[in-house]
PDB file of all heavy atoms in Angstrom:
ATOM      1  N   GLU A   1     -85.156  -1.706-184.771  1.00  0.00           N
ATOM      2  CA  GLU A   1     -85.257  -0.294-184.821  1.00  0.00           C
ATOM      3  C   GLU A   1     -84.734   0.290-186.066  1.00  0.00           C
ATOM      4  O   GLU A   1     -84.813   1.431-186.196  1.00  0.00           O
ATOM      5  CB  GLU A   1     -84.743   0.350-183.501  1.00  0.00           C
ATOM      6  CG  GLU A   1     -85.419  -0.052-182.215  1.00  0.00           C
ATOM      7  CD  GLU A   1     -86.775   0.564-182.132  1.00  0.00           C
ATOM      8  OE1 GLU A   1     -86.970   1.698-182.478  1.00  0.00           O
ATOM      9  OE2 GLU A   1     -87.652  -0.148-181.804  1.00  0.00           O
ATOM     10  N   GLY A   2     -84.018  -0.478-186.783  1.00  0.00           N
ATOM     11  CA  GLY A   2     -83.311   0.050-187.974  1.00  0.00           C
ATOM     12  C   GLY A   2     -81.996   0.771-187.758  1.00  0.00           C
ATOM     13  O   GLY A   2     -81.495   1.590-188.567  1.00  0.00           O
ATOM     14  N   ASP A   3     -81.450   0.462-186.426  1.00  0.00           N
ATOM     15  CA  ASP A   3     -80.318   1.257-186.016  1.00  0.00           C
ATOM     16  C   ASP A   3     -79.020   1.007-186.899  1.00  0.00           C
ATOM     17  O   ASP A   3     -78.208   1.805-187.072  1.00  0.00           O
ATOM     18  CB  ASP A   3     -80.108   1.040-184.507  1.00  0.00           C
ATOM     19  CG  ASP A   3     -81.211   1.643-183.730  1.00  0.00           C
ATOM     20  OD1 ASP A   3     -81.816   2.634-184.178  1.00  0.00           O
ATOM     21  OD2 ASP A   3     -81.259   1.181-182.535  1.00  0.00           O
ATOM     22  N   PHE A   4     -78.849  -0.228-187.258  1.00  0.00           N
ATOM     23  CA  PHE A   4     -77.683  -0.675-187.974  1.00  0.00           C
ATOM     24  C   PHE A   4     -77.620   0.003-189.354  1.00  0.00           C
ATOM     25  O   PHE A   4     -76.639   0.531-189.741  1.00  0.00           O
ATOM     26  CB  PHE A   4     -77.580  -2.194-188.122  1.00  0.00           C
ATOM     27  CG  PHE A   4     -77.380  -2.824-186.819  1.00  0.00           C
ATOM     28  CD1 PHE A   4     -78.289  -3.720-186.312  1.00  0.00           C
ATOM     29  CD2 PHE A   4     -76.332  -2.528-186.020  1.00  0.00           C
ATOM     30  CE1 PHE A   4     -78.132  -4.371-185.094  1.00  0.00           C
ATOM     31  CE2 PHE A   4     -76.107  -3.136-184.716  1.00  0.00           C
ATOM     32  CZ  PHE A   4     -77.059  -4.018-184.267  1.00  0.00           C
ATOM     33  N   GLU A   5     -78.765   0.025-189.968  1.00  0.00           N
ATOM     34  CA  GLU A   5     -78.840   0.618-191.349  1.00  0.00           C
ATOM     35  C   GLU A   5     -78.611   2.182-191.200  1.00  0.00           C
ATOM     36  O   GLU A   5     -77.996   2.808-192.032  1.00  0.00           O
ATOM     37  CB  GLU A   5     -80.095   0.297-192.019  1.00  0.00           C
ATOM     38  CG  GLU A   5     -81.375   0.774-191.368  1.00  0.00           C
ATOM     39  CD  GLU A   5     -82.612   0.049-191.873  1.00  0.00           C
ATOM     40  OE1 GLU A   5     -82.693  -1.186-191.693  1.00  0.00           O
ATOM     41  OE2 GLU A   5     -83.402   0.798-192.510  1.00  0.00           O
ATOM     42  N   LYS A   6     -79.188   2.738-190.132  1.00  0.00           N
ATOM     43  CA  LYS A   6     -79.009   4.229-189.893  1.00  0.00           C
ATOM     44  C   LYS A   6     -77.487   4.464-189.682  1.00  0.00           C
ATOM     45  O   LYS A   6     -76.956   5.513-190.212  1.00  0.00           O
ATOM     46  CB  LYS A   6     -79.868   4.667-188.786  1.00  0.00           C
ATOM     47  CG  LYS A   6     -81.354   4.647-189.139  1.00  0.00           C
ATOM     48  CD  LYS A   6     -82.211   5.043-187.829  1.00  0.00           C
ATOM     49  CE  LYS A   6     -83.575   4.596-188.097  1.00  0.00           C
ATOM     50  NZ  LYS A   6     -84.284   4.663-186.842  1.00  0.00           N
ATOM     51  N   TRP A   7     -76.897   3.741-188.899  1.00  0.00           N
ATOM     52  CA  TRP A   7     -75.416   3.830-188.461  1.00  0.00           C
ATOM     53  C   TRP A   7     -74.644   3.799-189.820  1.00  0.00           C
ATOM     54  O   TRP A   7     -73.747   4.631-190.070  1.00  0.00           O
ATOM     55  CB  TRP A   7     -75.071   2.744-187.551  1.00  0.00           C
ATOM     56  CG  TRP A   7     -73.641   2.554-187.212  1.00  0.00           C
ATOM     57  CD1 TRP A   7     -72.788   3.501-186.733  1.00  0.00           C
ATOM     58  CD2 TRP A   7     -72.867   1.507-187.633  1.00  0.00           C
ATOM     59  NE1 TRP A   7     -71.437   3.076-186.662  1.00  0.00           N
ATOM     60  CE2 TRP A   7     -71.462   1.804-187.257  1.00  0.00           C
ATOM     61  CE3 TRP A   7     -72.983   0.311-188.280  1.00  0.00           C
ATOM     62  CZ2 TRP A   7     -70.338   0.957-187.364  1.00  0.00           C
ATOM     63  CZ3 TRP A   7     -71.923  -0.598-188.440  1.00  0.00           C
ATOM     64  CH2 TRP A   7     -70.641  -0.252-187.979  1.00  0.00           C
ATOM     65  N   ALA A   8     -74.890   2.735-190.651  1.00  0.00           N
ATOM     66  CA  ALA A   8     -74.115   2.653-191.959  1.00  0.00           C
ATOM     67  C   ALA A   8     -74.427   3.821-192.792  1.00  0.00           C
ATOM     68  O   ALA A   8     -73.517   4.315-193.401  1.00  0.00           O
ATOM     69  CB  ALA A   8     -74.438   1.263-192.606  1.00  0.00           C
ATOM     70  N   GLU A   9     -75.624   4.154-192.933  1.00  0.00           N
ATOM     71  CA  GLU A   9     -76.017   5.286-193.863  1.00  0.00           C
ATOM     72  C   GLU A   9     -75.492   6.650-193.444  1.00  0.00           C
ATOM     73  O   GLU A   9     -74.884   7.356-194.253  1.00  0.00           O
ATOM     74  CB  GLU A   9     -77.497   5.349-194.056  1.00  0.00           C
ATOM     75  CG  GLU A   9     -78.082   6.315-195.047  1.00  0.00           C
ATOM     76  CD  GLU A   9     -77.882   5.887-196.441  1.00  0.00           C
ATOM     77  OE1 GLU A   9     -78.060   4.711-196.719  1.00  0.00           O
ATOM     78  OE2 GLU A   9     -77.546   6.703-197.351  1.00  0.00           O
ATOM     79  N   PHE A  10     -75.780   6.988-192.219  1.00  0.00           N
ATOM     80  CA  PHE A  10     -75.466   8.291-191.766  1.00  0.00           C
ATOM     81  C   PHE A  10     -74.016   8.495-191.049  1.00  0.00           C
ATOM     82  O   PHE A  10     -73.524   9.565-191.200  1.00  0.00           O
ATOM     83  CB  PHE A  10     -76.552   8.894-190.836  1.00  0.00           C
ATOM     84  CG  PHE A  10     -77.944   8.890-191.646  1.00  0.00           C
ATOM     85  CD1 PHE A  10     -78.801   7.953-191.176  1.00  0.00           C
ATOM     86  CD2 PHE A  10     -78.189   9.660-192.642  1.00  0.00           C
ATOM     87  CE1 PHE A  10     -80.078   7.932-191.845  1.00  0.00           C
ATOM     88  CE2 PHE A  10     -79.351   9.682-193.322  1.00  0.00           C
ATOM     89  CZ  PHE A  10     -80.280   8.781-192.942  1.00  0.00           C
ATOM     90  N   SER A  11     -73.668   7.471-190.328  1.00  0.00           N
ATOM     91  CA  SER A  11     -72.262   7.717-189.691  1.00  0.00           C
ATOM     92  C   SER A  11     -71.169   7.203-190.655  1.00  0.00           C
ATOM     93  O   SER A  11     -70.169   7.934-190.748  1.00  0.00           O
ATOM     94  CB  SER A  11     -72.260   6.805-188.342  1.00  0.00           C
ATOM     95  OG  SER A  11     -73.157   7.390-187.477  1.00  0.00           O
ATOM     96  N   LEU A  12     -71.348   6.081-191.244  1.00  0.00           N
ATOM     97  CA  LEU A  12     -70.355   5.536-192.139  1.00  0.00           C
ATOM     98  C   LEU A  12     -70.481   6.066-193.587  1.00  0.00           C
ATOM     99  O   LEU A  12     -69.556   5.948-194.324  1.00  0.00           O
ATOM    100  CB  LEU A  12     -70.341   4.013-192.184  1.00  0.00           C
ATOM    101  CG  LEU A  12     -70.103   3.326-190.866  1.00  0.00           C
ATOM    102  CD1 LEU A  12     -70.281   1.820-190.908  1.00  0.00           C
ATOM    103  CD2 LEU A  12     -68.844   3.662-190.183  1.00  0.00           C
ATOM    104  N   ARG A  13     -71.566   6.612-193.856  1.00  0.00           N
ATOM    105  CA  ARG A  13     -71.876   7.059-195.207  1.00  0.00           C
ATOM    106  C   ARG A  13     -71.732   5.942-196.239  1.00  0.00           C
ATOM    107  O   ARG A  13     -71.184   6.152-197.437  1.00  0.00           O
ATOM    108  CB  ARG A  13     -71.136   8.319-195.527  1.00  0.00           C
ATOM    109  CG  ARG A  13     -71.419   9.439-194.609  1.00  0.00           C
ATOM    110  CD  ARG A  13     -70.607  10.720-195.006  1.00  0.00           C
ATOM    111  NE  ARG A  13     -70.835  11.736-193.990  1.00  0.00           N
ATOM    112  CZ  ARG A  13     -71.663  12.716-194.217  1.00  0.00           C
ATOM    113  NH1 ARG A  13     -72.483  12.722-195.135  1.00  0.00           N
ATOM    114  NH2 ARG A  13     -71.764  13.674-193.218  1.00  0.00           N
ATOM    115  N   ASP A  14     -72.214   4.811-195.898  1.00  0.00           N
ATOM    116  CA  ASP A  14     -72.112   3.646-196.790  1.00  0.00           C
ATOM    117  C   ASP A  14     -73.521   3.163-197.202  1.00  0.00           C
ATOM    118  O   ASP A  14     -74.054   2.293-196.409  1.00  0.00           O
ATOM    119  CB  ASP A  14     -71.217   2.523-196.087  1.00  0.00           C
ATOM    120  CG  ASP A  14     -70.937   1.394-197.068  1.00  0.00           C
ATOM    121  OD1 ASP A  14     -71.683   1.158-198.001  1.00  0.00           O
ATOM    122  OD2 ASP A  14     -69.834   0.756-196.780  1.00  0.00           O
ATOM    123  N   SER A  15     -73.993   3.647-198.184  1.00  0.00           N
ATOM    124  CA  SER A  15     -75.349   3.217-198.561  1.00  0.00           C
ATOM    125  C   SER A  15     -75.466   1.775-198.858  1.00  0.00           C
ATOM    126  O   SER A  15     -76.543   1.017-198.726  1.00  0.00           O
ATOM    127  CB  SER A  15     -75.988   4.028-199.715  1.00  0.00           C
ATOM    128  OG  SER A  15     -75.108   3.940-200.867  1.00  0.00           O
ATOM    129  N   LYS A  16     -74.478   1.106-199.431  1.00  0.00           N
ATOM    130  CA  LYS A  16     -74.541  -0.324-199.781  1.00  0.00           C
ATOM    131  C   LYS A  16     -74.569  -1.150-198.506  1.00  0.00           C
ATOM    132  O   LYS A  16     -75.396  -2.130-198.472  1.00  0.00           O
ATOM    133  CB  LYS A  16     -73.281  -0.754-200.649  1.00  0.00           C
ATOM    134  CG  LYS A  16     -73.360  -0.174-202.040  1.00  0.00           C
ATOM    135  CD  LYS A  16     -72.109  -0.653-202.883  1.00  0.00           C
ATOM    136  CE  LYS A  16     -72.245  -0.073-204.193  1.00  0.00           C
ATOM    137  NZ  LYS A  16     -71.206  -0.543-205.129  1.00  0.00           N
ATOM    138  N   LEU A  17     -73.796  -0.781-197.551  1.00  0.00           N
ATOM    139  CA  LEU A  17     -73.818  -1.560-196.276  1.00  0.00           C
ATOM    140  C   LEU A  17     -75.320  -1.325-195.573  1.00  0.00           C
ATOM    141  O   LEU A  17     -75.873  -2.230-195.095  1.00  0.00           O
ATOM    142  CB  LEU A  17     -72.747  -1.174-195.323  1.00  0.00           C
ATOM    143  CG  LEU A  17     -72.688  -1.957-193.977  1.00  0.00           C
ATOM    144  CD1 LEU A  17     -72.611  -3.378-194.167  1.00  0.00           C
ATOM    145  CD2 LEU A  17     -71.586  -1.379-193.167  1.00  0.00           C
ATOM    146  N   ALA A  18     -75.743  -0.090-195.685  1.00  0.00           N
ATOM    147  CA  ALA A  18     -77.059   0.230-195.078  1.00  0.00           C
ATOM    148  C   ALA A  18     -78.105  -0.699-195.728  1.00  0.00           C
ATOM    149  O   ALA A  18     -78.981  -1.207-195.004  1.00  0.00           O
ATOM    150  CB  ALA A  18     -77.323   1.655-195.316  1.00  0.00           C
ATOM    151  N   GLU A  19     -78.035  -0.803-197.016  1.00  0.00           N
ATOM    152  CA  GLU A  19     -79.028  -1.625-197.712  1.00  0.00           C
ATOM    153  C   GLU A  19     -78.935  -3.094-197.279  1.00  0.00           C
ATOM    154  O   GLU A  19     -79.960  -3.809-197.151  1.00  0.00           O
ATOM    155  CB  GLU A  19     -78.849  -1.557-199.238  1.00  0.00           C
ATOM    156  CG  GLU A  19     -79.970  -2.234-200.043  1.00  0.00           C
ATOM    157  CD  GLU A  19     -81.341  -1.722-199.781  1.00  0.00           C
ATOM    158  OE1 GLU A  19     -81.501  -0.471-199.538  1.00  0.00           O
ATOM    159  OE2 GLU A  19     -82.227  -2.482-199.765  1.00  0.00           O
ATOM    160  N   ARG A  20     -77.761  -3.660-197.136  1.00  0.00           N
ATOM    161  CA  ARG A  20     -77.641  -4.989-196.623  1.00  0.00           C
ATOM    162  C   ARG A  20     -78.146  -5.134-195.231  1.00  0.00           C
ATOM    163  O   ARG A  20     -78.830  -6.180-195.013  1.00  0.00           O
ATOM    164  CB  ARG A  20     -76.192  -5.425-196.740  1.00  0.00           C
ATOM    165  CG  ARG A  20     -75.648  -5.585-198.179  1.00  0.00           C
ATOM    166  CD  ARG A  20     -74.136  -5.839-198.245  1.00  0.00           C
ATOM    167  NE  ARG A  20     -73.778  -5.738-199.650  1.00  0.00           N
ATOM    168  CZ  ARG A  20     -72.527  -5.851-200.008  1.00  0.00           C
ATOM    169  NH1 ARG A  20     -71.587  -5.835-199.164  1.00  0.00           N
ATOM    170  NH2 ARG A  20     -72.211  -5.622-201.307  1.00  0.00           N
ATOM    171  N   PHE A  21     -77.947  -4.215-194.385  1.00  0.00           N
ATOM    172  CA  PHE A  21     -78.499  -4.271-193.091  1.00  0.00           C
ATOM    173  C   PHE A  21     -80.049  -4.099-193.164  1.00  0.00           C
ATOM    174  O   PHE A  21     -80.685  -4.841-192.421  1.00  0.00           O
ATOM    175  CB  PHE A  21     -77.906  -3.188-192.232  1.00  0.00           C
ATOM    176  CG  PHE A  21     -76.494  -3.363-191.675  1.00  0.00           C
ATOM    177  CD1 PHE A  21     -75.707  -2.369-191.275  1.00  0.00           C
ATOM    178  CD2 PHE A  21     -75.972  -4.627-191.615  1.00  0.00           C
ATOM    179  CE1 PHE A  21     -74.411  -2.646-190.832  1.00  0.00           C
ATOM    180  CE2 PHE A  21     -74.685  -4.888-191.286  1.00  0.00           C
ATOM    181  CZ  PHE A  21     -73.942  -3.796-190.793  1.00  0.00           C
ATOM    182  N   ARG A  22     -80.516  -3.322-193.970  1.00  0.00           N
ATOM    183  CA  ARG A  22     -81.963  -3.138-194.090  1.00  0.00           C
ATOM    184  C   ARG A  22     -82.581  -4.418-194.493  1.00  0.00           C
ATOM    185  O   ARG A  22     -83.692  -4.817-194.046  1.00  0.00           O
ATOM    186  CB  ARG A  22     -82.217  -2.060-195.086  1.00  0.00           C
ATOM    187  CG  ARG A  22     -83.623  -1.628-195.213  1.00  0.00           C
ATOM    188  CD  ARG A  22     -83.788  -0.359-196.171  1.00  0.00           C
ATOM    189  NE  ARG A  22     -83.153   0.837-195.672  1.00  0.00           N
ATOM    190  CZ  ARG A  22     -82.050   1.372-196.159  1.00  0.00           C
ATOM    191  NH1 ARG A  22     -81.482   1.002-197.241  1.00  0.00           N
ATOM    192  NH2 ARG A  22     -81.524   2.482-195.512  1.00  0.00           N
ATOM    193  N   ALA A  23     -81.910  -5.222-195.346  1.00  0.00           N
ATOM    194  CA  ALA A  23     -82.494  -6.467-195.850  1.00  0.00           C
ATOM    195  C   ALA A  23     -82.641  -7.473-194.706  1.00  0.00           C
ATOM    196  O   ALA A  23     -83.598  -8.388-194.730  1.00  0.00           O
ATOM    197  CB  ALA A  23     -81.564  -7.086-196.897  1.00  0.00           C
ATOM    198  N   THR A  24     -81.897  -7.403-193.608  1.00  0.00           N
ATOM    199  CA  THR A  24     -82.156  -8.259-192.501  1.00  0.00           C
ATOM    200  C   THR A  24     -83.560  -8.183-191.904  1.00  0.00           C
ATOM    201  O   THR A  24     -84.065  -9.210-191.410  1.00  0.00           O
ATOM    202  CB  THR A  24     -81.073  -8.105-191.363  1.00  0.00           C
ATOM    203  OG1 THR A  24     -81.200  -6.801-190.768  1.00  0.00           O
ATOM    204  CG2 THR A  24     -79.690  -8.262-191.813  1.00  0.00           C
ATOM    205  N   ARG A  25     -84.049  -7.096-191.865  1.00  0.00           N
ATOM    206  CA  ARG A  25     -85.292  -6.888-191.253  1.00  0.00           C
ATOM    207  C   ARG A  25     -86.425  -7.552-191.949  1.00  0.00           C
ATOM    208  O   ARG A  25     -87.402  -8.132-191.409  1.00  0.00           O
ATOM    209  CB  ARG A  25     -85.722  -5.432-191.051  1.00  0.00           C
ATOM    210  CG  ARG A  25     -84.767  -4.791-190.041  1.00  0.00           C
ATOM    211  CD  ARG A  25     -85.234  -3.428-189.584  1.00  0.00           C
ATOM    212  NE  ARG A  25     -85.171  -2.429-190.673  1.00  0.00           N
ATOM    213  CZ  ARG A  25     -86.102  -1.495-190.797  1.00  0.00           C
ATOM    214  NH1 ARG A  25     -87.068  -1.377-189.960  1.00  0.00           N
ATOM    215  NH2 ARG A  25     -86.002  -0.691-191.698  1.00  0.00           N
ATOM    216  N   GLY A  26     -86.314  -7.721-193.301  1.00  0.00           N
ATOM    217  CA  GLY A  26     -87.301  -8.431-194.183  1.00  0.00           C
ATOM    218  C   GLY A  26     -87.198  -9.970-193.890  1.00  0.00           C
ATOM    219  O   GLY A  26     -88.117 -10.723-194.171  1.00  0.00           O
ATOM    220  N   LEU A  27     -85.987 -10.416-193.512  1.00  0.00           N
ATOM    221  CA  LEU A  27     -85.846 -11.809-193.252  1.00  0.00           C
ATOM    222  C   LEU A  27     -86.239 -12.252-191.965  1.00  0.00           C
ATOM    223  O   LEU A  27     -86.357 -13.494-191.694  1.00  0.00           O
ATOM    224  CB  LEU A  27     -84.314 -12.152-193.478  1.00  0.00           C
ATOM    225  CG  LEU A  27     -83.719 -11.840-194.790  1.00  0.00           C
ATOM    226  CD1 LEU A  27     -82.232 -12.016-194.823  1.00  0.00           C
ATOM    227  CD2 LEU A  27     -84.345 -12.640-195.941  1.00  0.00           C
TER     228      LEU A  27
END
């Protein structure tokens, strides 16, 4: 659902972590 990247991006305000989480979906 992309929930981890959304959590990192919007709650933690960490775009680098969000990008790393986003990469998991492609794998």
